[in-house]
Amino acid sequence: MTKYTYCDLEMEYEPAYYVSTLDWFNIASCARKRMTEYCHDMKRWRGERRSFYSSIQAMNVDTKELLDV
């Protein structure tokens, strides 16, 4: 178990040793939301944009099959 403290709130969690495609999708989604939130701060926006595109690239989207048949 790992402990994490944020704003005087202590949380315990079990770190994952693998980042799945769904995890990368969630990271990209959160980064996209932060891009909108920080659109007034160009330096921060660029960092969030980098996070967004890095997570999209890590998903290997081209290797996935769509299930919309």
Protein backbone atom coordinates (compact mmCIF):
# COMPACT_ATOMS: atom_id res chain seq x y z
CA MET A 1 0.00 0.00 0.00
CA THR A 2 1.07 3.53 -0.74
CA LYS A 3 -0.07 6.61 1.14
CA TYR A 4 -0.80 9.88 -0.60
CA THR A 5 -1.54 13.15 1.19
CA TYR A 6 -3.38 16.01 -0.48
CA CYS A 7 -4.76 19.04 1.38
CA ASP A 8 -4.47 17.28 4.75
CA LEU A 9 -6.42 14.30 3.38
CA GLU A 10 -4.50 11.03 3.50
CA MET A 11 -5.43 8.28 1.06
CA GLU A 12 -4.09 4.77 0.64
CA TYR A 13 -3.95 3.05 -2.71
CA GLU A 14 -2.33 0.11 -4.44
CA PRO A 15 -0.19 1.31 -7.35
CA ALA A 16 -0.80 -0.37 -10.68
CA TYR A 17 2.12 -1.88 -12.55
CA TYR A 18 0.37 -1.75 -15.91
CA VAL A 19 -1.41 1.09 -17.72
CA SER A 20 -4.20 -0.30 -19.89
CA THR A 21 -5.72 1.27 -22.98
CA LEU A 22 -8.71 2.37 -20.90
CA ASP A 23 -6.35 4.03 -18.41
CA TRP A 24 -4.63 5.91 -21.25
CA PHE A 25 -8.05 6.96 -22.55
CA ASN A 26 -8.94 8.33 -19.11
CA ILE A 27 -5.63 10.22 -18.91
CA ALA A 28 -6.30 11.72 -22.35
CA SER A 29 -9.83 12.67 -21.35
CA CYS A 30 -8.65 14.41 -18.17
CA ALA A 31 -5.90 16.24 -20.07
CA ARG A 32 -8.45 17.40 -22.65
CA LYS A 33 -10.67 18.80 -19.88
CA ARG A 34 -7.68 20.58 -18.37
CA MET A 35 -6.83 22.05 -21.79
CA THR A 36 -10.26 23.69 -21.79
CA GLU A 37 -9.91 24.80 -18.17
CA TYR A 38 -6.50 26.41 -18.70
CA CYS A 39 -7.05 27.88 -22.18
CA HIS A 40 -6.16 31.34 -20.80
CA ASP A 41 -2.72 30.15 -19.59
CA MET A 42 -0.74 29.27 -22.72
CA LYS A 43 2.19 27.63 -20.90
CA ARG A 44 -0.12 25.35 -18.88
CA TRP A 45 -2.32 24.68 -21.93
CA ARG A 46 0.71 23.50 -23.92
CA GLY A 47 1.67 21.11 -21.13
CA GLU A 48 -1.85 19.67 -21.02
CA ARG A 49 -1.84 19.39 -24.83
CA ARG A 50 1.41 17.43 -24.61
CA SER A 51 -0.18 15.11 -22.04
CA PHE A 52 -3.23 14.64 -24.26
CA TYR A 53 -1.28 13.72 -27.38
CA SER A 54 1.22 11.56 -25.48
CA SER A 55 -1.58 9.48 -23.96
CA ILE A 56 -3.32 9.16 -27.35
CA GLN A 57 -0.05 7.94 -28.83
CA ALA A 58 0.46 5.48 -25.94
CA MET A 59 -2.94 3.91 -26.65
CA ASN A 60 -1.73 2.69 -30.07
CA VAL A 61 -5.11 3.63 -31.53
CA ASP A 62 -4.21 2.30 -34.98
CA THR A 63 -3.82 -1.22 -33.59
CA LYS A 64 -7.33 -1.34 -32.07
CA GLU A 65 -10.39 -2.72 -33.83
CA LEU A 66 -13.68 -0.88 -33.60
CA LEU A 67 -16.63 -2.78 -32.22
CA ASP A 68 -19.30 -0.80 -34.09
CA VAL A 69 -20.29 -3.63 -36.41
